[in-house]
PDB file of N, CA and C in Angstrom:
ATOM      1  N   MET A   1       6.123   5.048 -16.228  1.00  0.00           N
ATOM      2  CA  MET A   1       5.300   6.150 -17.026  1.00  0.00           C
ATOM      3  C   MET A   1       5.052   7.235 -15.764  1.00  0.00           C
ATOM      4  N   LYS A   2       5.291   6.738 -14.302  1.00  0.00           N
ATOM      5  CA  LYS A   2       4.701   7.381 -13.235  1.00  0.00           C
ATOM      6  C   LYS A   2       5.630   7.102 -11.984  1.00  0.00           C
ATOM      7  N   LYS A   3       6.372   7.807 -11.402  1.00  0.00           N
ATOM      8  CA  LYS A   3       7.453   7.174 -10.038  1.00  0.00           C
ATOM      9  C   LYS A   3       5.885   7.733  -8.996  1.00  0.00           C
ATOM     10  N   PHE A   4       6.400   7.088  -7.734  1.00  0.00           N
ATOM     11  CA  PHE A   4       4.966   7.469  -6.932  1.00  0.00           C
ATOM     12  C   PHE A   4       5.378   6.670  -5.907  1.00  0.00           C
ATOM     13  N   THR A   5       4.497   7.373  -4.415  1.00  0.00           N
ATOM     14  CA  THR A   5       4.894   6.555  -2.529  1.00  0.00           C
ATOM     15  C   THR A   5       3.533   6.584  -2.384  1.00  0.00           C
ATOM     16  N   ASP A   6       3.041   5.507  -1.435  1.00  0.00           N
ATOM     17  CA  ASP A   6       2.026   4.709  -0.965  1.00  0.00           C
ATOM     18  C   ASP A   6       2.094   5.835   0.012  1.00  0.00           C
ATOM     19  N   THR A   7       2.472   6.972   0.818  1.00  0.00           N
ATOM     20  CA  THR A   7       2.035   7.930   1.809  1.00  0.00           C
ATOM     21  C   THR A   7       2.702   9.017   1.234  1.00  0.00           C
ATOM     22  N   GLU A   8       1.983  10.106   2.448  1.00  0.00           N
ATOM     23  CA  GLU A   8       2.275  11.764   2.589  1.00  0.00           C
ATOM     24  C   GLU A   8       3.428  11.863   3.422  1.00  0.00           C
ATOM     25  N   ASP A   9       3.744  10.676   4.653  1.00  0.00           N
ATOM     26  CA  ASP A   9       4.892  11.203   4.935  1.00  0.00           C
ATOM     27  C   ASP A   9       6.449  11.188   4.485  1.00  0.00           C
ATOM     28  N   GLU A  10       7.179  12.301   4.392  1.00  0.00           N
ATOM     29  CA  GLU A  10       8.229  12.811   3.656  1.00  0.00           C
ATOM     30  C   GLU A  10       9.276  12.085   4.052  1.00  0.00           C
ATOM     31  N   ILE A  11       9.317  11.906   5.790  1.00  0.00           N
ATOM     32  CA  ILE A  11      10.337  10.555   5.917  1.00  0.00           C
ATOM     33  C   ILE A  11       9.755   9.022   5.463  1.00  0.00           C
ATOM     34  N   LYS A  12       9.018   8.433   5.262  1.00  0.00           N
ATOM     35  CA  LYS A  12       8.696   7.394   4.461  1.00  0.00           C
ATOM     36  C   LYS A  12       8.933   7.305   2.895  1.00  0.00           C
ATOM     37  N   LYS A  13       8.548   8.561   2.557  1.00  0.00           N
ATOM     38  CA  LYS A  13       8.928   8.473   1.177  1.00  0.00           C
ATOM     39  C   LYS A  13      10.253   7.928   0.491  1.00  0.00           C
ATOM     40  N   LYS A  14      11.203   8.503   1.146  1.00  0.00           N
ATOM     41  CA  LYS A  14      12.394   7.842   0.668  1.00  0.00           C
ATOM     42  C   LYS A  14      12.627   6.394   0.805  1.00  0.00           C
ATOM     43  N   ASP A  15      11.865   5.882   1.969  1.00  0.00           N
ATOM     44  CA  ASP A  15      12.238   4.326   2.240  1.00  0.00           C
ATOM     45  C   ASP A  15      11.924   3.793   1.561  1.00  0.00           C
ATOM     46  N   VAL A  16      12.399   2.709   0.132  1.00  0.00           N
ATOM     47  CA  VAL A  16      12.088   2.304  -1.007  1.00  0.00           C
ATOM     48  C   VAL A  16      10.643   1.548  -0.725  1.00  0.00           C
ATOM     49  N   SER A  17      10.525   0.978   0.514  1.00  0.00           N
ATOM     50  CA  SER A  17       9.144  -0.097   0.758  1.00  0.00           C
ATOM     51  C   SER A  17       8.023   0.785   0.166  1.00  0.00           C
ATOM     52  N   HIS A  18       7.961   2.017   0.409  1.00  0.00           N
ATOM     53  CA  HIS A  18       6.594   2.774   0.154  1.00  0.00           C
ATOM     54  C   HIS A  18       7.484   3.793  -1.354  1.00  0.00           C
ATOM     55  N   GLN A  19       8.088   3.286  -2.173  1.00  0.00           N
ATOM     56  CA  GLN A  19       7.835   3.808  -3.673  1.00  0.00           C
ATOM     57  C   GLN A  19       7.578   2.609  -4.764  1.00  0.00           C
ATOM     58  N   TYR A  20       7.068   3.436  -5.337  1.00  0.00           N
ATOM     59  CA  TYR A  20       6.803   2.315  -6.911  1.00  0.00           C
ATOM     60  C   TYR A  20       6.477   3.250  -8.063  1.00  0.00           C
ATOM     61  N   THR A  21       6.636   2.168  -9.063  1.00  0.00           N
ATOM     62  CA  THR A  21       6.794   2.659 -10.389  1.00  0.00           C
ATOM     63  C   THR A  21       5.381   2.294 -10.933  1.00  0.00           C
ATOM     64  N   TYR A  22       4.649   2.982 -11.780  1.00  0.00           N
ATOM     65  CA  TYR A  22       3.876   2.555 -12.803  1.00  0.00           C
ATOM     66  C   TYR A  22       4.342   2.765 -14.368  1.00  0.00           C
ATOM     67  N   VAL A  23       4.685   1.457 -15.120  1.00  0.00           N
ATOM     68  CA  VAL A  23       5.063   0.984 -15.828  1.00  0.00           C
ATOM     69  C   VAL A  23       4.435   0.016 -17.160  1.00  0.00           C
ATOM     70  N   GLU A  24       5.052   0.460 -18.347  1.00  0.00           N
ATOM     71  CA  GLU A  24       4.091  -0.190 -19.112  1.00  0.00           C
ATOM     72  C   GLU A  24       5.273  -0.699 -20.308  1.00  0.00           C
ATOM     73  N   VAL A  25       5.293  -2.711 -20.128  1.00  0.00           N
ATOM     74  CA  VAL A  25       6.178  -2.944 -20.856  1.00  0.00           C
ATOM     75  C   VAL A  25       5.934  -3.865 -21.945  1.00  0.00           C
ATOM     76  N   TYR A  26       6.718  -4.489 -22.833  1.00  0.00           N
ATOM     77  CA  TYR A  26       6.563  -4.769 -23.889  1.00  0.00           C
ATOM     78  C   TYR A  26       7.496  -6.500 -23.876  1.00  0.00           C
ATOM     79  N   PRO A  27       6.734  -7.390 -23.873  1.00  0.00           N
ATOM     80  CA  PRO A  27       7.766  -8.560 -23.471  1.00  0.00           C
ATOM     81  C   PRO A  27       8.154  -9.289 -25.178  1.00  0.00           C
ATOM     82  N   LYS A  28       9.528  -9.626 -24.941  1.00  0.00           N
ATOM     83  CA  LYS A  28      10.045 -10.126 -26.416  1.00  0.00           C
ATOM     84  C   LYS A  28       9.038 -11.603 -26.715  1.00  0.00           C
ATOM     85  N   THR A  29       9.203 -12.354 -25.968  1.00  0.00           N
ATOM     86  CA  THR A  29       8.599 -13.581 -26.510  1.00  0.00           C
ATOM     87  C   THR A  29       7.408 -13.740 -25.615  1.00  0.00           C
ATOM     88  N   GLY A  30       6.521 -15.214 -25.408  1.00  0.00           N
ATOM     89  CA  GLY A  30       6.042 -15.591 -24.681  1.00  0.00           C
ATOM     90  C   GLY A  30       6.839 -16.640 -24.125  1.00  0.00           C
ATOM     91  N   ARG A  31       7.860 -16.635 -23.260  1.00  0.00           N
ATOM     92  CA  ARG A  31       8.171 -17.301 -22.118  1.00  0.00           C
ATOM     93  C   ARG A  31       7.426 -16.929 -20.938  1.00  0.00           C
ATOM     94  N   THR A  32       7.207 -17.725 -19.983  1.00  0.00           N
ATOM     95  CA  THR A  32       6.797 -18.438 -18.849  1.00  0.00           C
ATOM     96  C   THR A  32       7.218 -17.222 -17.633  1.00  0.00           C
ATOM     97  N   HIS A  33       6.476 -16.333 -17.156  1.00  0.00           N
ATOM     98  CA  HIS A  33       6.906 -15.267 -16.649  1.00  0.00           C
ATOM     99  C   HIS A  33       7.767 -14.687 -16.978  1.00  0.00           C
ATOM    100  N   GLN A  34       7.572 -13.991 -18.494  1.00  0.00           N
ATOM    101  CA  GLN A  34       8.964 -13.039 -18.535  1.00  0.00           C
ATOM    102  C   GLN A  34       9.188 -11.716 -17.859  1.00  0.00           C
ATOM    103  N   ILE A  35       8.039 -11.085 -17.496  1.00  0.00           N
ATOM    104  CA  ILE A  35       8.219  -9.739 -17.088  1.00  0.00           C
ATOM    105  C   ILE A  35       8.195  -9.489 -15.775  1.00  0.00           C
ATOM    106  N   ARG A  36       7.992 -11.000 -15.166  1.00  0.00           N
ATOM    107  CA  ARG A  36       7.853 -11.622 -13.619  1.00  0.00           C
ATOM    108  C   ARG A  36       9.185 -11.445 -13.210  1.00  0.00           C
ATOM    109  N   VAL A  37       9.839 -12.147 -14.009  1.00  0.00           N
ATOM    110  CA  VAL A  37      11.528 -12.500 -13.852  1.00  0.00           C
ATOM    111  C   VAL A  37      12.071 -11.361 -14.114  1.00  0.00           C
ATOM    112  N   HIS A  38      12.273 -10.914 -15.169  1.00  0.00           N
ATOM    113  CA  HIS A  38      13.093  -9.719 -15.344  1.00  0.00           C
ATOM    114  C   HIS A  38      12.719  -8.247 -14.093  1.00  0.00           C
ATOM    115  N   MET A  39      11.817  -8.176 -13.852  1.00  0.00           N
ATOM    116  CA  MET A  39      11.529  -6.549 -13.246  1.00  0.00           C
ATOM    117  C   MET A  39      11.741  -7.762 -11.840  1.00  0.00           C
ATOM    118  N   ARG A  40      12.157  -8.705 -11.079  1.00  0.00           N
ATOM    119  CA  ARG A  40      12.663  -9.171 -10.023  1.00  0.00           C
ATOM    120  C   ARG A  40      13.891  -8.830 -10.024  1.00  0.00           C
ATOM    121  N   TYR A  41      14.474  -9.468 -11.177  1.00  0.00           N
ATOM    122  CA  TYR A  41      16.041  -9.537 -11.672  1.00  0.00           C
ATOM    123  C   TYR A  41      16.721  -8.094 -11.142  1.00  0.00           C
ATOM    124  N   ILE A  42      16.195  -7.203 -11.744  1.00  0.00           N
ATOM    125  CA  ILE A  42      16.699  -5.457 -11.483  1.00  0.00           C
ATOM    126  C   ILE A  42      15.604  -4.891 -10.011  1.00  0.00           C
ATOM    127  N   ASN A  43      15.329  -6.145  -9.429  1.00  0.00           N
ATOM    128  CA  ASN A  43      15.181  -5.555  -7.896  1.00  0.00           C
ATOM    129  C   ASN A  43      13.703  -4.798  -7.754  1.00  0.00           C
ATOM    130  N   HIS A  44      12.832  -4.991  -8.691  1.00  0.00           N
ATOM    131  CA  HIS A  44      11.617  -3.751  -8.986  1.00  0.00           C
ATOM    132  C   HIS A  44      10.625  -4.894  -9.267  1.00  0.00           C
ATOM    133  N   PRO A  45      10.508  -5.648  -8.538  1.00  0.00           N
ATOM    134  CA  PRO A  45       8.980  -6.814  -8.554  1.00  0.00           C
ATOM    135  C   PRO A  45       7.884  -6.611  -8.603  1.00  0.00           C
ATOM    136  N   VAL A  46       7.142  -7.160  -9.476  1.00  0.00           N
ATOM    137  CA  VAL A  46       5.642  -6.479  -9.799  1.00  0.00           C
ATOM    138  C   VAL A  46       5.087  -6.849  -8.349  1.00  0.00           C
ATOM    139  N   VAL A  47       3.487  -5.747  -8.161  1.00  0.00           N
ATOM    140  CA  VAL A  47       3.883  -5.516  -6.828  1.00  0.00           C
ATOM    141  C   VAL A  47       2.459  -6.844  -6.487  1.00  0.00           C
ATOM    142  N   SER A  48       2.638  -7.153  -5.509  1.00  0.00           N
ATOM    143  CA  SER A  48       1.851  -8.387  -5.011  1.00  0.00           C
ATOM    144  C   SER A  48       2.067  -9.778  -5.516  1.00  0.00           C
ATOM    145  N   ASP A  49       3.173  -9.835  -6.123  1.00  0.00           N
ATOM    146  CA  ASP A  49       3.476 -11.094  -6.827  1.00  0.00           C
ATOM    147  C   ASP A  49       3.894 -12.375  -5.695  1.00  0.00           C
ATOM    148  N   PRO A  50       2.895 -13.187  -5.793  1.00  0.00           N
ATOM    149  CA  PRO A  50       3.482 -14.207  -5.044  1.00  0.00           C
ATOM    150  C   PRO A  50       4.633 -14.772  -4.924  1.00  0.00           C
ATOM    151  N   LEU A  51       5.269 -14.742  -6.338  1.00  0.00           N
ATOM    152  CA  LEU A  51       6.319 -15.836  -6.676  1.00  0.00           C
ATOM    153  C   LEU A  51       7.579 -15.122  -6.521  1.00  0.00           C
ATOM    154  N   TYR A  52       7.266 -13.919  -7.369  1.00  0.00           N
ATOM    155  CA  TYR A  52       8.358 -12.943  -7.209  1.00  0.00           C
ATOM    156  C   TYR A  52       8.822 -11.738  -6.324  1.00  0.00           C
ATOM    157  N   ARG A  53       7.875 -11.628  -5.265  1.00  0.00           N
ATOM    158  CA  ARG A  53       8.129 -10.278  -5.055  1.00  0.00           C
ATOM    159  C   ARG A  53       9.138 -10.292  -3.823  1.00  0.00           C
ATOM    160  N   GLY A  54       9.957 -11.529  -3.355  1.00  0.00           N
ATOM    161  CA  GLY A  54      11.038 -11.396  -2.465  1.00  0.00           C
ATOM    162  C   GLY A  54      10.044 -11.017  -1.294  1.00  0.00           C
ATOM    163  N   GLU A  55      10.654 -10.187  -0.120  1.00  0.00           N
ATOM    164  CA  GLU A  55      10.253  -9.918   0.912  1.00  0.00           C
ATOM    165  C   GLU A  55       8.744  -8.750   1.517  1.00  0.00           C
ATOM    166  N   LYS A  56       8.962  -7.978  -0.260  1.00  0.00           N
ATOM    167  CA  LYS A  56       7.857  -7.349   0.616  1.00  0.00           C
ATOM    168  C   LYS A  56       6.205  -8.161   0.058  1.00  0.00           C
ATOM    169  N   ASP A  57       5.447  -8.455   1.015  1.00  0.00           N
ATOM    170  CA  ASP A  57       3.854  -8.668   0.891  1.00  0.00           C
ATOM    171  C   ASP A  57       2.754  -8.087  -0.173  1.00  0.00           C
ATOM    172  N   LEU A  58       1.738  -8.656  -0.280  1.00  0.00           N
ATOM    173  CA  LEU A  58       0.936  -7.643  -0.864  1.00  0.00           C
ATOM    174  C   LEU A  58       0.865  -6.341  -0.626  1.00  0.00           C
ATOM    175  N   ALA A  59       0.550  -5.180  -1.366  1.00  0.00           N
ATOM    176  CA  ALA A  59       0.594  -3.766  -1.106  1.00  0.00           C
ATOM    177  C   ALA A  59      -0.552  -3.005  -2.548  1.00  0.00           C
ATOM    178  N   LEU A  60      -0.742  -1.586  -1.625  1.00  0.00           N
ATOM    179  CA  LEU A  60      -1.441  -1.141  -2.678  1.00  0.00           C
ATOM    180  C   LEU A  60      -2.706  -1.264  -2.322  1.00  0.00           C
ATOM    181  N   GLY A  61      -3.250  -1.782  -1.837  1.00  0.00           N
ATOM    182  CA  GLY A  61      -4.609  -2.520  -1.515  1.00  0.00           C
ATOM    183  C   GLY A  61      -4.973  -3.746  -2.593  1.00  0.00           C
ATOM    184  N   MET A  62      -4.193  -3.929  -3.570  1.00  0.00           N
ATOM    185  CA  MET A  62      -3.937  -5.079  -4.499  1.00  0.00           C
ATOM    186  C   MET A  62      -4.136  -6.210  -3.796  1.00  0.00           C
ATOM    187  N   LYS A  63      -4.682  -7.586  -3.892  1.00  0.00           N
ATOM    188  CA  LYS A  63      -4.851  -8.794  -3.231  1.00  0.00           C
ATOM    189  C   LYS A  63      -4.461 -10.059  -4.261  1.00  0.00           C
ATOM    190  N   ARG A  64      -4.205  -9.445  -5.524  1.00  0.00           N
ATOM    191  CA  ARG A  64      -3.480 -10.245  -6.200  1.00  0.00           C
ATOM    192  C   ARG A  64      -2.678 -10.041  -7.375  1.00  0.00           C
ATOM    193  N   LEU A  65      -1.768 -10.446  -7.882  1.00  0.00           N
ATOM    194  CA  LEU A  65      -0.723  -9.843  -8.788  1.00  0.00           C
ATOM    195  C   LEU A  65      -1.188  -8.778  -9.425  1.00  0.00           C
ATOM    196  N   ALA A  66      -0.531  -7.410  -9.301  1.00  0.00           N
ATOM    197  CA  ALA A  66      -0.087  -6.343  -9.730  1.00  0.00           C
ATOM    198  C   ALA A  66      -0.317  -6.532 -11.479  1.00  0.00           C
ATOM    199  N   LEU A  67      -0.843  -6.998 -12.331  1.00  0.00           N
ATOM    200  CA  LEU A  67      -0.324  -7.828 -13.413  1.00  0.00           C
ATOM    201  C   LEU A  67      -1.070  -7.126 -14.799  1.00  0.00           C
ATOM    202  N   HIS A  68      -1.290  -6.377 -15.450  1.00  0.00           N
ATOM    203  CA  HIS A  68      -2.651  -6.614 -16.607  1.00  0.00           C
ATOM    204  C   HIS A  68      -2.064  -6.733 -18.154  1.00  0.00           C
ATOM    205  N   ALA A  69      -2.506  -6.968 -18.889  1.00  0.00           N
ATOM    206  CA  ALA A  69      -2.334  -7.094 -20.525  1.00  0.00           C
ATOM    207  C   ALA A  69      -3.547  -6.241 -20.990  1.00  0.00           C
ATOM    208  N   CYS A  70      -3.168  -5.190 -21.258  1.00  0.00           N
ATOM    209  CA  CYS A  70      -3.891  -4.733 -21.765  1.00  0.00           C
ATOM    210  C   CYS A  70      -4.406  -4.724 -23.532  1.00  0.00           C
ATOM    211  N   SER A  71      -3.573  -5.411 -23.893  1.00  0.00           N
ATOM    212  CA  SER A  71      -3.721  -6.165 -25.415  1.00  0.00           C
ATOM    213  C   SER A  71      -2.949  -7.469 -25.506  1.00  0.00           C
ATOM    214  N   VAL A  72      -3.431  -7.974 -26.577  1.00  0.00           N
ATOM    215  CA  VAL A  72      -2.325  -9.573 -26.910  1.00  0.00           C
ATOM    216  C   VAL A  72      -2.104  -9.349 -28.802  1.00  0.00           C
ATOM    217  N   THR A  73      -1.647  -9.412 -29.215  1.00  0.00           N
ATOM    218  CA  THR A  73      -1.888  -9.332 -30.546  1.00  0.00           C
ATOM    219  C   THR A  73      -1.296 -10.975 -31.004  1.00  0.00           C
ATOM    220  N   PHE A  74      -1.905 -11.799 -31.805  1.00  0.00           N
ATOM    221  CA  PHE A  74      -1.343 -13.127 -32.006  1.00  0.00           C
ATOM    222  C   PHE A  74      -1.618 -13.569 -33.539  1.00  0.00           C
ATOM    223  N   TYR A  75      -1.596 -14.755 -33.708  1.00  0.00           N
ATOM    224  CA  TYR A  75      -1.286 -14.970 -35.188  1.00  0.00           C
ATOM    225  C   TYR A  75      -2.666 -16.649 -34.746  1.00  0.00           C
ATOM    226  N   LEU A  76      -3.920 -16.221 -36.056  1.00  0.00           N
ATOM    227  CA  LEU A  76      -5.205 -17.398 -35.796  1.00  0.00           C
ATOM    228  C   LEU A  76      -4.514 -18.377 -36.497  1.00  0.00           C
ATOM    229  N   PRO A  77      -4.839 -19.671 -35.962  1.00  0.00           N
ATOM    230  CA  PRO A  77      -3.933 -21.069 -37.247  1.00  0.00           C
ATOM    231  C   PRO A  77      -4.354 -20.594 -38.588  1.00  0.00           C
ATOM    232  N   GLY A  78      -4.998 -19.861 -39.140  1.00  0.00           N
ATOM    233  CA  GLY A  78      -5.518 -19.435 -40.531  1.00  0.00           C
ATOM    234  C   GLY A  78      -4.799 -18.562 -40.808  1.00  0.00           C
ATOM    235  N   GLY A  79      -3.894 -18.020 -39.938  1.00  0.00           N
ATOM    236  CA  GLY A  79      -2.848 -16.972 -40.572  1.00  0.00           C
ATOM    237  C   GLY A  79      -3.335 -15.661 -40.290  1.00  0.00           C
ATOM    238  N   GLU A  80      -4.747 -15.358 -39.959  1.00  0.00           N
ATOM    239  CA  GLU A  80      -4.917 -13.755 -39.739  1.00  0.00           C
ATOM    240  C   GLU A  80      -4.717 -13.498 -38.105  1.00  0.00           C
ATOM    241  N   LEU A  81      -3.963 -11.835 -38.484  1.00  0.00           N
ATOM    242  CA  LEU A  81      -3.973 -11.377 -37.127  1.00  0.00           C
ATOM    243  C   LEU A  81      -4.639 -10.798 -36.226  1.00  0.00           C
ATOM    244  N   LYS A  82      -4.694 -11.387 -35.241  1.00  0.00           N
ATOM    245  CA  LYS A  82      -6.014 -11.014 -34.240  1.00  0.00           C
ATOM    246  C   LYS A  82      -5.318 -10.256 -32.915  1.00  0.00           C
ATOM    247  N   THR A  83      -5.872  -8.883 -32.532  1.00  0.00           N
ATOM    248  CA  THR A  83      -5.402  -8.065 -31.686  1.00  0.00           C
ATOM    249  C   THR A  83      -6.838  -8.185 -30.680  1.00  0.00           C
ATOM    250  N   VAL A  84      -6.575  -8.081 -29.387  1.00  0.00           N
ATOM    251  CA  VAL A  84      -7.550  -8.546 -27.995  1.00  0.00           C
ATOM    252  C   VAL A  84      -7.214  -7.895 -27.188  1.00  0.00           C
ATOM    253  N   GLU A  85      -8.346  -6.816 -26.624  1.00  0.00           N
ATOM    254  CA  GLU A  85      -8.177  -5.722 -25.800  1.00  0.00           C
ATOM    255  C   GLU A  85      -8.890  -6.128 -24.736  1.00  0.00           C
ATOM    256  N   SER A  86      -8.246  -5.309 -23.461  1.00  0.00           N
ATOM    257  CA  SER A  86      -9.074  -5.359 -22.200  1.00  0.00           C
ATOM    258  C   SER A  86      -9.083  -4.261 -21.123  1.00  0.00           C
ATOM    259  N   PRO A  87      -9.429  -3.391 -21.156  1.00  0.00           N
ATOM    260  CA  PRO A  87      -9.768  -2.485 -19.981  1.00  0.00           C
ATOM    261  C   PRO A  87      -8.751  -2.949 -18.566  1.00  0.00           C
ATOM    262  N   LEU A  88      -8.812  -1.966 -18.048  1.00  0.00           N
ATOM    263  CA  LEU A  88      -7.969  -1.934 -16.795  1.00  0.00           C
ATOM    264  C   LEU A  88      -9.169  -2.696 -15.927  1.00  0.00           C
ATOM    265  N   PRO A  89      -8.443  -3.330 -14.532  1.00  0.00           N
ATOM    266  CA  PRO A  89      -9.907  -3.672 -14.149  1.00  0.00           C
ATOM    267  C   PRO A  89      -9.997  -2.674 -12.927  1.00  0.00           C
ATOM    268  N   ALA A  90     -11.091  -2.805 -11.909  1.00  0.00           N
ATOM    269  CA  ALA A  90     -11.487  -1.753 -10.748  1.00  0.00           C
ATOM    270  C   ALA A  90     -10.548  -1.685 -10.372  1.00  0.00           C
ATOM    271  N   ASP A  91     -10.105  -2.592  -9.317  1.00  0.00           N
ATOM    272  CA  ASP A  91      -8.438  -2.416  -8.655  1.00  0.00           C
ATOM    273  C   ASP A  91      -7.409  -1.571  -9.514  1.00  0.00           C
ATOM    274  N   PHE A  92      -7.475  -1.961 -10.560  1.00  0.00           N
ATOM    275  CA  PHE A  92      -6.481  -0.753 -10.966  1.00  0.00           C
ATOM    276  C   PHE A  92      -6.886   0.192 -11.222  1.00  0.00           C
ATOM    277  N   LYS A  93      -7.581  -0.184 -11.441  1.00  0.00           N
ATOM    278  CA  LYS A  93      -8.390   1.901 -11.990  1.00  0.00           C
ATOM    279  C   LYS A  93      -8.115   2.567 -10.186  1.00  0.00           C
ATOM    280  N   LYS A  94      -8.327   1.757  -9.247  1.00  0.00           N
ATOM    281  CA  LYS A  94      -8.225   2.474  -8.094  1.00  0.00           C
ATOM    282  C   LYS A  94      -6.873   2.752  -7.620  1.00  0.00           C
ATOM    283  N   VAL A  95      -5.993   1.945  -7.569  1.00  0.00           N
ATOM    284  CA  VAL A  95      -4.215   2.741  -7.412  1.00  0.00           C
ATOM    285  C   VAL A  95      -4.303   3.173  -8.385  1.00  0.00           C
ATOM    286  N   VAL A  96      -4.371   3.877  -9.070  1.00  0.00           N
ATOM    287  CA  VAL A  96      -4.257   4.697 -10.410  1.00  0.00           C
ATOM    288  C   VAL A  96      -4.807   5.795  -9.749  1.00  0.00           C
ATOM    289  N   LYS A  97      -6.202   6.056  -9.832  1.00  0.00           N
ATOM    290  CA  LYS A  97      -6.819   7.211  -8.812  1.00  0.00           C
ATOM    291  C   LYS A  97      -6.199   7.748  -7.723  1.00  0.00           C
ATOM    292  N   THR A  98      -6.222   6.534  -6.846  1.00  0.00           N
ATOM    293  CA  THR A  98      -5.665   6.788  -5.539  1.00  0.00           C
ATOM    294  C   THR A  98      -4.293   7.638  -5.026  1.00  0.00           C
ATOM    295  N   TYR A  99      -3.589   6.461  -6.002  1.00  0.00           N
ATOM    296  CA  TYR A  99      -2.011   6.741  -5.609  1.00  0.00           C
ATOM    297  C   TYR A  99      -1.378   7.691  -7.082  1.00  0.00           C
ATOM    298  N   ILE A 100      -1.594   7.611  -7.962  1.00  0.00           N
ATOM    299  CA  ILE A 100      -1.171   8.139  -9.804  1.00  0.00           C
ATOM    300  C   ILE A 100      -1.624   9.488  -9.948  1.00  0.00           C
ATOM    301  N   ASP A 101      -3.093   9.656 -10.158  1.00  0.00           N
ATOM    302  CA  ASP A 101      -3.598  10.664 -10.917  1.00  0.00           C
ATOM    303  C   ASP A 101      -3.655  11.860  -9.847  1.00  0.00           C
ATOM    304  N   LYS A 102      -3.535  11.527  -8.548  1.00  0.00           N
ATOM    305  CA  LYS A 102      -3.691  12.650  -7.449  1.00  0.00           C
ATOM    306  C   LYS A 102      -2.698  13.251  -7.423  1.00  0.00           C
ATOM    307  N   LYS A 103      -1.832  13.123  -8.403  1.00  0.00           N
ATOM    308  CA  LYS A 103       0.065  14.648  -7.982  1.00  0.00           C
ATOM    309  C   LYS A 103      -0.657  15.520  -8.720  1.00  0.00           C
TER     310      LYS A 103
END
Protein backbone atom coordinates (compact mmCIF):
# COMPACT_ATOMS: atom_id res chain seq x y z
CA MET A 1 0.00 0.00 0.00
CA LYS A 2 2.90 2.34 0.77
CA LYS A 3 6.70 2.23 0.65
CA PHE A 4 8.57 4.27 3.27
CA THR A 5 11.86 4.66 5.12
CA ASP A 6 12.65 5.16 8.81
CA THR A 7 15.14 7.96 8.16
CA GLU A 8 15.33 11.40 6.58
CA ASP A 9 19.00 10.89 5.68
CA GLU A 10 19.18 10.64 1.88
CA ILE A 11 22.15 8.25 1.95
CA LYS A 12 20.57 5.93 4.53
CA LYS A 13 17.28 5.89 2.56
CA LYS A 14 19.09 3.90 -0.15
CA ASP A 15 20.13 1.22 2.36
CA VAL A 16 17.60 -1.66 2.41
CA SER A 17 17.86 -1.84 6.20
CA HIS A 18 15.92 1.46 6.30
CA GLN A 19 13.31 0.56 3.68
CA TYR A 20 9.83 -0.79 4.50
CA THR A 21 6.51 -1.43 2.83
CA TYR A 22 3.08 -1.24 4.48
CA VAL A 23 1.16 -4.13 2.92
CA GLU A 24 -2.24 -5.74 3.00
CA VAL A 25 -2.27 -9.50 2.47
CA TYR A 26 -4.95 -12.15 2.18
CA PRO A 27 -3.88 -15.67 3.15
CA LYS A 28 -5.30 -18.51 1.04
CA THR A 29 -5.41 -21.06 3.85
CA GLY A 30 -5.23 -21.15 7.61
CA ARG A 31 -1.79 -22.72 7.47
CA THR A 32 0.42 -21.82 10.44
CA HIS A 33 2.77 -18.88 9.78
CA GLN A 34 1.66 -18.69 6.13
CA ILE A 35 2.13 -14.92 5.82
CA ARG A 36 5.36 -14.89 7.81
CA VAL A 37 6.94 -17.74 5.85
CA HIS A 38 6.00 -16.35 2.45
CA MET A 39 7.14 -12.82 3.24
CA ARG A 40 10.50 -14.15 4.44
CA TYR A 41 10.77 -16.33 1.33
CA ILE A 42 10.60 -13.24 -0.89
CA ASN A 43 13.14 -11.54 1.41
CA HIS A 44 10.62 -9.12 2.93
CA PRO A 45 10.09 -10.46 6.46
CA VAL A 46 7.43 -9.02 8.75
CA VAL A 47 8.87 -6.29 10.99
CA SER A 48 10.02 -7.56 14.39
CA ASP A 49 9.29 -11.19 13.55
CA PRO A 50 11.33 -13.11 16.13
CA LEU A 51 11.28 -16.33 14.07
CA TYR A 52 11.56 -15.22 10.42
CA ARG A 53 13.12 -11.76 10.51
CA GLY A 54 16.59 -12.90 9.51
CA GLU A 55 19.39 -10.54 10.47
CA LYS A 56 17.20 -7.54 11.23
CA ASP A 57 16.17 -7.05 14.85
CA LEU A 58 13.21 -5.08 16.21
CA ALA A 59 12.36 -2.02 14.12
CA LEU A 60 10.09 1.03 13.87
CA GLY A 61 9.55 0.99 17.61
CA MET A 62 7.59 -2.27 17.38
CA LYS A 63 8.26 -4.47 20.39
CA ARG A 64 6.30 -7.35 18.92
CA LEU A 65 5.50 -8.98 15.62
CA ALA A 66 4.12 -6.27 13.31
CA LEU A 67 1.24 -8.34 11.99
CA HIS A 68 -2.43 -7.51 12.54
CA ALA A 69 -5.63 -9.16 11.35
CA CYS A 70 -8.16 -6.38 10.79
CA SER A 71 -10.85 -8.98 10.16
CA VAL A 72 -11.34 -12.74 10.17
CA THR A 73 -14.29 -14.53 8.58
CA PHE A 74 -15.20 -18.11 9.40
CA TYR A 75 -18.14 -20.49 9.63
CA LEU A 76 -19.63 -21.28 13.03
CA PRO A 77 -20.48 -24.92 13.80
CA GLY A 78 -24.14 -24.25 12.89
CA GLY A 79 -23.13 -23.01 9.43
CA GLU A 80 -23.49 -19.26 10.07
CA LEU A 81 -20.79 -17.11 8.48
CA LYS A 82 -19.19 -14.87 11.11
CA THR A 83 -16.84 -11.92 10.63
CA VAL A 84 -14.87 -10.48 13.55
CA GLU A 85 -13.17 -7.11 13.10
CA SER A 86 -10.40 -5.51 15.13
CA PRO A 87 -9.21 -1.89 14.95
CA LEU A 88 -5.57 -1.09 14.39
CA PRO A 89 -3.68 -1.29 17.73
CA ALA A 90 -2.00 1.80 19.20
CA ASP A 91 1.54 0.69 18.30
CA PHE A 92 0.51 0.27 14.64
CA LYS A 93 -1.23 3.64 14.63
CA LYS A 94 1.97 5.22 15.92
CA VAL A 95 4.04 3.69 13.09
CA VAL A 96 1.47 4.82 10.51
CA LYS A 97 1.39 8.36 11.92
CA THR A 98 5.17 8.61 12.31
CA TYR A 99 6.35 7.07 9.03
CA ILE A 100 3.49 6.69 6.57
CA ASP A 101 0.97 9.51 6.97
CA LYS A 102 3.65 12.19 7.29
CA LYS A 103 4.65 11.92 3.63
